[in-house]
Every structure is written in C-alpha cells, then in structure tokens.
Amino acid sequence: MDTNALLYLVKDELKRRKNKKDHAKWWLFYLAAGIVLLLAVTAYFADKFRPIGLLFFTFGFPYMAFILTYSMVKREWKNGTLGWWLSLPYSRSTLILSKYAASLCVVFLIFTAAWLATLFFYVYATIWQGSFEVAGLLSFMSGSSVWYLFVFAAIPFMNAFGLFIFIAGQSRLKPLTPLLWMIYGLSGNAIFWLPHEYWNTHIETGSIPFGPYAFAIAVPISVGLAVILLLCSTVTLKKDVVL
C-alpha cells in the first residue's frame, strides 16, 4: 500500500469536512448554548455533584463515532461523487482506509476536547462546592483518562462497523442490514446490563470501574473485529456494490 497516497486521501477527506462552514456555525451555536446551560445546572446542583457523573456521557461516543464514519462514506452517494471517488487511481482498500483513518482522527480530537472539558467542569463544580484541591484534580485526571481510554478502545470497531453497514446497504448484502442495525441498537444498552448496585457503588465511592486489564482485553478485540470489517468492506466495495 502506498502510504503517501493514503495520507493524501486522509488529508483531503479532513479538508472536505472542514469546508462545511454553514453546518459548523450551527454546531458551534448549539455547543455554546449547551456549555452555558451545563454551567448553570452544575452551579445550581453543585452540592449534589459527583465527579464520576461527568464521565457517563462518554458511553455515547462510540455511537457518535459510528454515525460519523457512516456519514463520511454516505456522502459520496449523497453528493453524486461516487463515480469520481471510485475512479481515483487508488485501490479499494486505500479508499476504505482513508475514510476510516480520517474518522479516527476526527474522533480522537473530539475525545481530547471532551476530556479537557470534563476536567474544566470538575474544577468548576468543586470550586462551587468549596472542595477543590490540586490532589483531587490530579486523582480525577488519572481516573478519567483511564475511563476515556477504555471507551476509546471501542472506537476502532465502531468506526469500522459504521463504514461496513453503509457499504453493505449499497450492495447485494442489503438484506443483511436490518440485522446489522438491530445489533447496533441492542449494543447501546449493553453497558446497562450490569446490576444497578454495581454502578451505584462506583458513583458513591467515586472509583473508576475499569482497570488496565479491561483495557488490555478490549483493545485487541476491538482492533481484531475492525480489521475483519475493513476487509469485508473492501471486498464488498470491490465486488458487490451496486452502482
């Protein structure tokens, strides 16, 4: 595989996303409004604040990453650029990997920004509580980074899954897509299959429920499944996509 070609395609993919200025303005507006609302709510309920509560929203990130990758490849069909995209002088595997790599870059930036925002709200809330301590912040930084890494471990698989579902839907494999969407939907509740007592204990103690062993197990599983799905996407795009 030509690494330079792959890097060029990834750069082009990111540049094409950057050019969506109108959508970006609306996203910035809603983001700013959400931050202001969250600041107000955090200040009002500061006495009930639990640091670990800031981390639960990250369970939605893998599903956001799925939709992001899904939309990246869908754009070629939606904008009528499929013929142009497939006629580029690169292999199907390179085209698939460029979409995948670009989505990983975007998701990584989102995760980094979200983690920094989490730290900011921790400081903000504990100042309102009157309980801010540097030692507490350092402890939360360490614990939250482990949490974020564990959630990020699902991203290689979820991005590849989003890419494969869309391509499968445009191919002779389309009859399988309802089943694939069902798997996607059911997985959204998987984390809550654990007993409520399990979560309540960690919320009360402020301890992180994921350790290095869980991360060490999750990463190879996620990467292994991602490789399989990327290979399936490549083969499907090459042989079965209906133009």
C-alpha atoms as a PDB file:
ATOM      1  CA  MET A   1       0.000   0.000   0.000  1.00  0.00           C
ATOM      2  CA  ASP A   2       1.204   3.494  -0.887  1.00  0.00           C
ATOM      3  CA  THR A   3       1.455   5.327   2.442  1.00  0.00           C
ATOM      4  CA  ASN A   4       1.824   8.720   0.753  1.00  0.00           C
ATOM      5  CA  ALA A   5      -1.385   8.132  -1.206  1.00  0.00           C
ATOM      6  CA  LEU A   6      -3.206   7.154   1.960  1.00  0.00           C
ATOM      7  CA  LEU A   7      -2.015  10.259   3.804  1.00  0.00           C
ATOM      8  CA  TYR A   8      -3.032  12.435   0.861  1.00  0.00           C
ATOM      9  CA  LEU A   9      -6.539  10.957   0.824  1.00  0.00           C
ATOM     10  CA  VAL A  10      -6.904  11.345   4.596  1.00  0.00           C
ATOM     11  CA  LYS A  11      -5.833  14.974   4.369  1.00  0.00           C
ATOM     12  CA  ASP A  12      -8.291  15.564   1.524  1.00  0.00           C
ATOM     13  CA  GLU A  13     -11.087  13.893   3.497  1.00  0.00           C
ATOM     14  CA  LEU A  14     -10.453  16.128   6.506  1.00  0.00           C
ATOM     15  CA  LYS A  15     -10.277  19.201   4.276  1.00  0.00           C
ATOM     16  CA  ARG A  16     -13.651  18.333   2.729  1.00  0.00           C
ATOM     17  CA  ARG A  17     -15.176  18.138   6.226  1.00  0.00           C
ATOM     18  CA  LYS A  18     -13.647  21.482   7.137  1.00  0.00           C
ATOM     19  CA  ASN A  19     -15.356  23.155   4.195  1.00  0.00           C
ATOM     20  CA  LYS A  20     -18.839  22.614   5.699  1.00  0.00           C
ATOM     21  CA  LYS A  21     -18.914  26.148   7.111  1.00  0.00           C
ATOM     22  CA  ASP A  22     -22.682  26.581   7.425  1.00  0.00           C
ATOM     23  CA  HIS A  23     -23.101  23.372   9.382  1.00  0.00           C
ATOM     24  CA  ALA A  24     -20.087  24.278  11.535  1.00  0.00           C
ATOM     25  CA  LYS A  25     -21.680  27.598  12.539  1.00  0.00           C
ATOM     26  CA  TRP A  26     -24.830  25.872  13.750  1.00  0.00           C
ATOM     27  CA  TRP A  27     -22.840  23.235  15.625  1.00  0.00           C
ATOM     28  CA  LEU A  28     -20.823  25.968  17.347  1.00  0.00           C
ATOM     29  CA  PHE A  29     -24.021  27.783  18.312  1.00  0.00           C
ATOM     30  CA  TYR A  30     -25.587  24.661  19.852  1.00  0.00           C
ATOM     31  CA  LEU A  31     -22.305  23.748  21.525  1.00  0.00           C
ATOM     32  CA  ALA A  32     -22.010  27.197  23.122  1.00  0.00           C
ATOM     33  CA  ALA A  33     -25.642  27.082  24.272  1.00  0.00           C
ATOM     34  CA  GLY A  34     -25.109  23.610  25.741  1.00  0.00           C
ATOM     35  CA  ILE A  35     -22.000  24.716  27.630  1.00  0.00           C
ATOM     36  CA  VAL A  36     -23.790  27.749  29.115  1.00  0.00           C
ATOM     37  CA  LEU A  37     -26.724  25.557  30.180  1.00  0.00           C
ATOM     38  CA  LEU A  38     -24.410  22.954  31.691  1.00  0.00           C
ATOM     39  CA  LEU A  39     -22.506  25.631  33.621  1.00  0.00           C
ATOM     40  CA  ALA A  40     -25.751  26.918  35.074  1.00  0.00           C
ATOM     41  CA  VAL A  41     -27.028  23.453  36.001  1.00  0.00           C
ATOM     42  CA  THR A  42     -23.668  22.488  37.522  1.00  0.00           C
ATOM     43  CA  ALA A  43     -23.609  25.629  39.665  1.00  0.00           C
ATOM     44  CA  TYR A  44     -27.211  25.084  40.835  1.00  0.00           C
ATOM     45  CA  PHE A  45     -26.684  21.423  41.780  1.00  0.00           C
ATOM     46  CA  ALA A  46     -23.064  21.803  42.930  1.00  0.00           C
ATOM     47  CA  ASP A  47     -23.842  20.357  46.371  1.00  0.00           C
ATOM     48  CA  LYS A  48     -25.002  17.097  44.734  1.00  0.00           C
ATOM     49  CA  PHE A  49     -22.075  16.904  42.332  1.00  0.00           C
ATOM     50  CA  ARG A  50     -20.326  13.526  41.874  1.00  0.00           C
ATOM     51  CA  PRO A  51     -17.150  13.688  39.732  1.00  0.00           C
ATOM     52  CA  ILE A  52     -17.775  10.291  38.133  1.00  0.00           C
ATOM     53  CA  GLY A  53     -21.123  11.572  36.878  1.00  0.00           C
ATOM     54  CA  LEU A  54     -19.232  13.684  34.333  1.00  0.00           C
ATOM     55  CA  LEU A  55     -17.973  10.517  32.667  1.00  0.00           C
ATOM     56  CA  PHE A  56     -21.170   8.625  31.939  1.00  0.00           C
ATOM     57  CA  PHE A  57     -21.995  10.678  28.851  1.00  0.00           C
ATOM     58  CA  THR A  58     -18.894   9.219  27.160  1.00  0.00           C
ATOM     59  CA  PHE A  59     -20.748   5.938  26.641  1.00  0.00           C
ATOM     60  CA  GLY A  60     -22.450   7.673  23.720  1.00  0.00           C
ATOM     61  CA  PHE A  61     -19.165   8.488  21.988  1.00  0.00           C
ATOM     62  CA  PRO A  62     -18.697   5.120  20.219  1.00  0.00           C
ATOM     63  CA  TYR A  63     -22.173   5.512  18.692  1.00  0.00           C
ATOM     64  CA  MET A  64     -21.375   9.059  17.624  1.00  0.00           C
ATOM     65  CA  ALA A  65     -18.190   7.694  16.009  1.00  0.00           C
ATOM     66  CA  PHE A  66     -20.269   5.061  14.202  1.00  0.00           C
ATOM     67  CA  ILE A  67     -22.564   7.736  12.717  1.00  0.00           C
ATOM     68  CA  LEU A  68     -19.582   9.925  11.814  1.00  0.00           C
ATOM     69  CA  THR A  69     -17.916   7.173   9.774  1.00  0.00           C
ATOM     70  CA  TYR A  70     -21.250   6.112   8.287  1.00  0.00           C
ATOM     71  CA  SER A  71     -21.877   9.689   7.088  1.00  0.00           C
ATOM     72  CA  MET A  72     -18.364  10.034   5.658  1.00  0.00           C
ATOM     73  CA  VAL A  73     -18.861   7.217   3.180  1.00  0.00           C
ATOM     74  CA  LYS A  74     -22.548   8.048   2.647  1.00  0.00           C
ATOM     75  CA  ARG A  75     -21.525  11.488   1.403  1.00  0.00           C
ATOM     76  CA  GLU A  76     -20.101  10.010  -1.805  1.00  0.00           C
ATOM     77  CA  TRP A  77     -23.519   8.586  -2.698  1.00  0.00           C
ATOM     78  CA  LYS A  78     -25.475  11.606  -1.440  1.00  0.00           C
ATOM     79  CA  ASN A  79     -23.360  14.191  -3.292  1.00  0.00           C
ATOM     80  CA  GLY A  80     -23.172  12.173  -6.503  1.00  0.00           C
ATOM     81  CA  THR A  81     -19.397  11.849  -6.210  1.00  0.00           C
ATOM     82  CA  LEU A  82     -19.326   8.049  -6.016  1.00  0.00           C
ATOM     83  CA  GLY A  83     -18.125   7.644  -9.593  1.00  0.00           C
ATOM     84  CA  TRP A  84     -15.385  10.209  -9.041  1.00  0.00           C
ATOM     85  CA  TRP A  85     -14.342   8.585  -5.763  1.00  0.00           C
ATOM     86  CA  LEU A  86     -14.154   5.077  -7.220  1.00  0.00           C
ATOM     87  CA  SER A  87     -12.323   6.310 -10.329  1.00  0.00           C
ATOM     88  CA  LEU A  88      -9.443   7.696  -8.273  1.00  0.00           C
ATOM     89  CA  PRO A  89      -6.203   5.871  -9.122  1.00  0.00           C
ATOM     90  CA  TYR A  90      -6.062   4.039  -5.831  1.00  0.00           C
ATOM     91  CA  SER A  91      -7.040   0.573  -4.690  1.00  0.00           C
ATOM     92  CA  ARG A  92     -10.359  -0.036  -2.967  1.00  0.00           C
ATOM     93  CA  SER A  93      -8.510  -0.880   0.238  1.00  0.00           C
ATOM     94  CA  THR A  94      -6.749   2.501   0.165  1.00  0.00           C
ATOM     95  CA  LEU A  95     -10.052   4.323  -0.382  1.00  0.00           C
ATOM     96  CA  ILE A  96     -11.662   2.449   2.513  1.00  0.00           C
ATOM     97  CA  LEU A  97      -8.713   3.006   4.836  1.00  0.00           C
ATOM     98  CA  SER A  98      -8.615   6.728   4.048  1.00  0.00           C
ATOM     99  CA  LYS A  99     -12.233   7.120   5.190  1.00  0.00           C
ATOM    100  CA  TYR A 100     -11.513   5.017   8.252  1.00  0.00           C
ATOM    101  CA  ALA A 101      -8.305   6.836   9.211  1.00  0.00           C
ATOM    102  CA  ALA A 102      -9.912  10.254   8.740  1.00  0.00           C
ATOM    103  CA  SER A 103     -12.791   9.250  11.019  1.00  0.00           C
ATOM    104  CA  LEU A 104     -10.316   8.075  13.680  1.00  0.00           C
ATOM    105  CA  CYS A 105      -8.535  11.444  13.536  1.00  0.00           C
ATOM    106  CA  VAL A 106     -11.794  13.356  14.000  1.00  0.00           C
ATOM    107  CA  VAL A 107     -12.947  11.108  16.852  1.00  0.00           C
ATOM    108  CA  PHE A 108      -9.573  11.415  18.599  1.00  0.00           C
ATOM    109  CA  LEU A 109      -9.851  15.218  18.519  1.00  0.00           C
ATOM    110  CA  ILE A 110     -13.401  15.021  19.881  1.00  0.00           C
ATOM    111  CA  PHE A 111     -12.280  12.708  22.698  1.00  0.00           C
ATOM    112  CA  THR A 112      -9.394  15.012  23.601  1.00  0.00           C
ATOM    113  CA  ALA A 113     -11.637  18.099  23.641  1.00  0.00           C
ATOM    114  CA  ALA A 114     -14.264  16.254  25.705  1.00  0.00           C
ATOM    115  CA  TRP A 115     -11.684  15.088  28.257  1.00  0.00           C
ATOM    116  CA  LEU A 116     -10.363  18.633  28.683  1.00  0.00           C
ATOM    117  CA  ALA A 117     -13.941  19.891  29.041  1.00  0.00           C
ATOM    118  CA  THR A 118     -14.561  17.214  31.683  1.00  0.00           C
ATOM    119  CA  LEU A 119     -11.573  18.451  33.676  1.00  0.00           C
ATOM    120  CA  PHE A 120     -12.803  22.034  33.358  1.00  0.00           C
ATOM    121  CA  PHE A 121     -16.252  21.125  34.718  1.00  0.00           C
ATOM    122  CA  TYR A 122     -14.645  19.166  37.548  1.00  0.00           C
ATOM    123  CA  VAL A 123     -12.690  22.249  38.598  1.00  0.00           C
ATOM    124  CA  TYR A 124     -15.744  24.488  38.116  1.00  0.00           C
ATOM    125  CA  ALA A 125     -18.040  22.244  40.183  1.00  0.00           C
ATOM    126  CA  THR A 126     -15.586  21.638  43.016  1.00  0.00           C
ATOM    127  CA  ILE A 127     -14.905  25.381  43.296  1.00  0.00           C
ATOM    128  CA  TRP A 128     -18.655  25.951  43.703  1.00  0.00           C
ATOM    129  CA  GLN A 129     -18.664  23.177  46.311  1.00  0.00           C
ATOM    130  CA  GLY A 130     -15.703  24.730  48.086  1.00  0.00           C
ATOM    131  CA  SER A 131     -13.913  21.383  47.948  1.00  0.00           C
ATOM    132  CA  PHE A 132     -11.352  21.986  45.193  1.00  0.00           C
ATOM    133  CA  GLU A 133      -7.899  20.506  45.833  1.00  0.00           C
ATOM    134  CA  VAL A 134      -4.997  20.033  43.459  1.00  0.00           C
ATOM    135  CA  ALA A 135      -4.529  16.472  44.719  1.00  0.00           C
ATOM    136  CA  GLY A 136      -8.181  15.747  43.960  1.00  0.00           C
ATOM    137  CA  LEU A 137      -7.807  17.167  40.457  1.00  0.00           C
ATOM    138  CA  LEU A 138      -4.724  15.038  39.772  1.00  0.00           C
ATOM    139  CA  SER A 139      -6.541  11.947  41.018  1.00  0.00           C
ATOM    140  CA  PHE A 140      -9.541  12.730  38.806  1.00  0.00           C
ATOM    141  CA  MET A 141      -7.262  13.358  35.815  1.00  0.00           C
ATOM    142  CA  SER A 142      -5.713   9.931  36.277  1.00  0.00           C
ATOM    143  CA  GLY A 143      -9.028   8.137  36.748  1.00  0.00           C
ATOM    144  CA  SER A 144     -10.849   9.947  33.952  1.00  0.00           C
ATOM    145  CA  SER A 145      -8.017   9.280  31.489  1.00  0.00           C
ATOM    146  CA  VAL A 146      -8.359   5.537  32.202  1.00  0.00           C
ATOM    147  CA  TRP A 147     -12.132   5.810  31.668  1.00  0.00           C
ATOM    148  CA  TYR A 148     -11.703   7.708  28.372  1.00  0.00           C
ATOM    149  CA  LEU A 149      -9.100   5.225  27.136  1.00  0.00           C
ATOM    150  CA  PHE A 150     -11.425   2.322  27.897  1.00  0.00           C
ATOM    151  CA  VAL A 151     -14.289   3.938  25.974  1.00  0.00           C
ATOM    152  CA  PHE A 152     -11.925   4.852  23.130  1.00  0.00           C
ATOM    153  CA  ALA A 153     -10.956   1.179  22.888  1.00  0.00           C
ATOM    154  CA  ALA A 154     -14.362   0.577  21.268  1.00  0.00           C
ATOM    155  CA  ILE A 155     -13.760   3.185  18.549  1.00  0.00           C
ATOM    156  CA  PRO A 156     -11.713   1.043  16.090  1.00  0.00           C
ATOM    157  CA  PHE A 157     -14.580  -1.463  15.942  1.00  0.00           C
ATOM    158  CA  MET A 158     -17.454   1.050  15.912  1.00  0.00           C
ATOM    159  CA  ASN A 159     -15.913   3.137  13.122  1.00  0.00           C
ATOM    160  CA  ALA A 160     -15.317   0.052  11.000  1.00  0.00           C
ATOM    161  CA  PHE A 161     -18.842  -1.154  11.768  1.00  0.00           C
ATOM    162  CA  GLY A 162     -20.371   2.143  10.599  1.00  0.00           C
ATOM    163  CA  LEU A 163     -18.379   2.022   7.393  1.00  0.00           C
ATOM    164  CA  PHE A 164     -19.340  -1.597   6.696  1.00  0.00           C
ATOM    165  CA  ILE A 165     -23.068  -1.131   7.373  1.00  0.00           C
ATOM    166  CA  PHE A 166     -23.377   1.663   4.837  1.00  0.00           C
ATOM    167  CA  ILE A 167     -21.402  -0.134   2.140  1.00  0.00           C
ATOM    168  CA  ALA A 168     -23.346  -3.342   2.786  1.00  0.00           C
ATOM    169  CA  GLY A 169     -26.565  -1.358   2.364  1.00  0.00           C
ATOM    170  CA  GLN A 170     -25.486  -0.286  -1.117  1.00  0.00           C
ATOM    171  CA  SER A 171     -24.570  -3.777  -2.193  1.00  0.00           C
ATOM    172  CA  ARG A 172     -26.096  -7.203  -2.719  1.00  0.00           C
ATOM    173  CA  LEU A 173     -25.732  -7.648   1.048  1.00  0.00           C
ATOM    174  CA  LYS A 174     -28.528  -5.140   1.656  1.00  0.00           C
ATOM    175  CA  PRO A 175     -30.920  -7.810   3.065  1.00  0.00           C
ATOM    176  CA  LEU A 176     -28.466  -8.201   5.984  1.00  0.00           C
ATOM    177  CA  THR A 177     -28.587  -4.539   7.024  1.00  0.00           C
ATOM    178  CA  PRO A 178     -31.734  -4.768   9.231  1.00  0.00           C
ATOM    179  CA  LEU A 179     -29.955  -7.404  11.305  1.00  0.00           C
ATOM    180  CA  LEU A 180     -26.814  -5.253  11.491  1.00  0.00           C
ATOM    181  CA  TRP A 181     -28.837  -2.227  12.614  1.00  0.00           C
ATOM    182  CA  MET A 182     -30.522  -4.402  15.230  1.00  0.00           C
ATOM    183  CA  ILE A 183     -27.120  -5.387  16.611  1.00  0.00           C
ATOM    184  CA  TYR A 184     -26.110  -1.729  16.658  1.00  0.00           C
ATOM    185  CA  GLY A 185     -29.265  -0.731  18.527  1.00  0.00           C
ATOM    186  CA  LEU A 186     -29.131  -3.515  21.108  1.00  0.00           C
ATOM    187  CA  SER A 187     -25.476  -2.860  21.862  1.00  0.00           C
ATOM    188  CA  GLY A 188     -26.430   0.629  23.031  1.00  0.00           C
ATOM    189  CA  ASN A 189     -27.959  -0.894  26.158  1.00  0.00           C
ATOM    190  CA  ALA A 190     -25.176  -3.406  26.789  1.00  0.00           C
ATOM    191  CA  ILE A 191     -23.370  -1.310  29.375  1.00  0.00           C
ATOM    192  CA  PHE A 192     -26.562  -1.093  31.456  1.00  0.00           C
ATOM    193  CA  TRP A 193     -26.971  -4.850  31.634  1.00  0.00           C
ATOM    194  CA  LEU A 194     -24.686  -4.680  34.650  1.00  0.00           C
ATOM    195  CA  PRO A 195     -26.554  -4.572  38.016  1.00  0.00           C
ATOM    196  CA  HIS A 196     -27.578  -1.119  39.278  1.00  0.00           C
ATOM    197  CA  GLU A 197     -25.727  -1.852  42.512  1.00  0.00           C
ATOM    198  CA  TYR A 198     -22.506  -2.061  40.506  1.00  0.00           C
ATOM    199  CA  TRP A 199     -22.885   1.483  39.181  1.00  0.00           C
ATOM    200  CA  ASN A 200     -24.252   2.886  42.434  1.00  0.00           C
ATOM    201  CA  THR A 201     -21.208   1.640  44.327  1.00  0.00           C
ATOM    202  CA  HIS A 202     -18.809   3.388  41.963  1.00  0.00           C
ATOM    203  CA  ILE A 203     -20.868   6.579  41.913  1.00  0.00           C
ATOM    204  CA  GLU A 204     -20.861   6.772  45.710  1.00  0.00           C
ATOM    205  CA  THR A 205     -17.160   5.976  46.103  1.00  0.00           C
ATOM    206  CA  GLY A 206     -16.055   7.887  43.002  1.00  0.00           C
ATOM    207  CA  SER A 207     -13.966   4.914  41.870  1.00  0.00           C
ATOM    208  CA  ILE A 208     -13.402   4.034  38.205  1.00  0.00           C
ATOM    209  CA  PRO A 209     -14.983   0.677  37.258  1.00  0.00           C
ATOM    210  CA  PHE A 210     -12.445  -0.014  34.508  1.00  0.00           C
ATOM    211  CA  GLY A 211      -8.850  -1.022  35.113  1.00  0.00           C
ATOM    212  CA  PRO A 212      -5.818  -1.694  32.902  1.00  0.00           C
ATOM    213  CA  TYR A 213      -6.791  -5.344  32.496  1.00  0.00           C
ATOM    214  CA  ALA A 214     -10.155  -4.439  30.999  1.00  0.00           C
ATOM    215  CA  PHE A 215      -8.407  -2.058  28.605  1.00  0.00           C
ATOM    216  CA  ALA A 216      -5.829  -4.723  27.656  1.00  0.00           C
ATOM    217  CA  ILE A 217      -8.649  -7.124  26.790  1.00  0.00           C
ATOM    218  CA  ALA A 218     -10.857  -4.594  24.971  1.00  0.00           C
ATOM    219  CA  VAL A 219      -8.204  -3.204  22.614  1.00  0.00           C
ATOM    220  CA  PRO A 220      -7.174  -6.399  20.762  1.00  0.00           C
ATOM    221  CA  ILE A 221     -10.826  -7.481  20.467  1.00  0.00           C
ATOM    222  CA  SER A 222     -11.865  -4.107  19.037  1.00  0.00           C
ATOM    223  CA  VAL A 223      -8.908  -3.907  16.644  1.00  0.00           C
ATOM    224  CA  GLY A 224      -9.333  -7.509  15.529  1.00  0.00           C
ATOM    225  CA  LEU A 225     -13.017  -7.004  14.720  1.00  0.00           C
ATOM    226  CA  ALA A 226     -12.187  -3.726  12.968  1.00  0.00           C
ATOM    227  CA  VAL A 227      -9.674  -5.467  10.688  1.00  0.00           C
ATOM    228  CA  ILE A 228     -12.276  -8.099   9.760  1.00  0.00           C
ATOM    229  CA  LEU A 229     -14.913  -5.445   8.989  1.00  0.00           C
ATOM    230  CA  LEU A 230     -12.478  -3.351   6.947  1.00  0.00           C
ATOM    231  CA  LEU A 231     -11.576  -6.398   4.864  1.00  0.00           C
ATOM    232  CA  CYS A 232     -15.284  -7.151   4.379  1.00  0.00           C
ATOM    233  CA  SER A 233     -15.909  -3.530   3.365  1.00  0.00           C
ATOM    234  CA  THR A 234     -13.092  -3.644   0.834  1.00  0.00           C
ATOM    235  CA  VAL A 235     -14.283  -6.893  -0.736  1.00  0.00           C
ATOM    236  CA  THR A 236     -17.897  -5.676  -0.793  1.00  0.00           C
ATOM    237  CA  LEU A 237     -16.952  -2.348  -2.390  1.00  0.00           C
ATOM    238  CA  LYS A 238     -14.882  -4.171  -4.986  1.00  0.00           C
ATOM    239  CA  LYS A 239     -17.342  -6.919  -5.941  1.00  0.00           C
ATOM    240  CA  ASP A 240     -20.864  -6.343  -4.713  1.00  0.00           C
ATOM    241  CA  VAL A 241     -21.641  -2.620  -4.614  1.00  0.00           C
ATOM    242  CA  VAL A 242     -24.465  -1.744  -6.975  1.00  0.00           C
ATOM    243  CA  LEU A 243     -23.605   1.432  -8.892  1.00  0.00           C
END
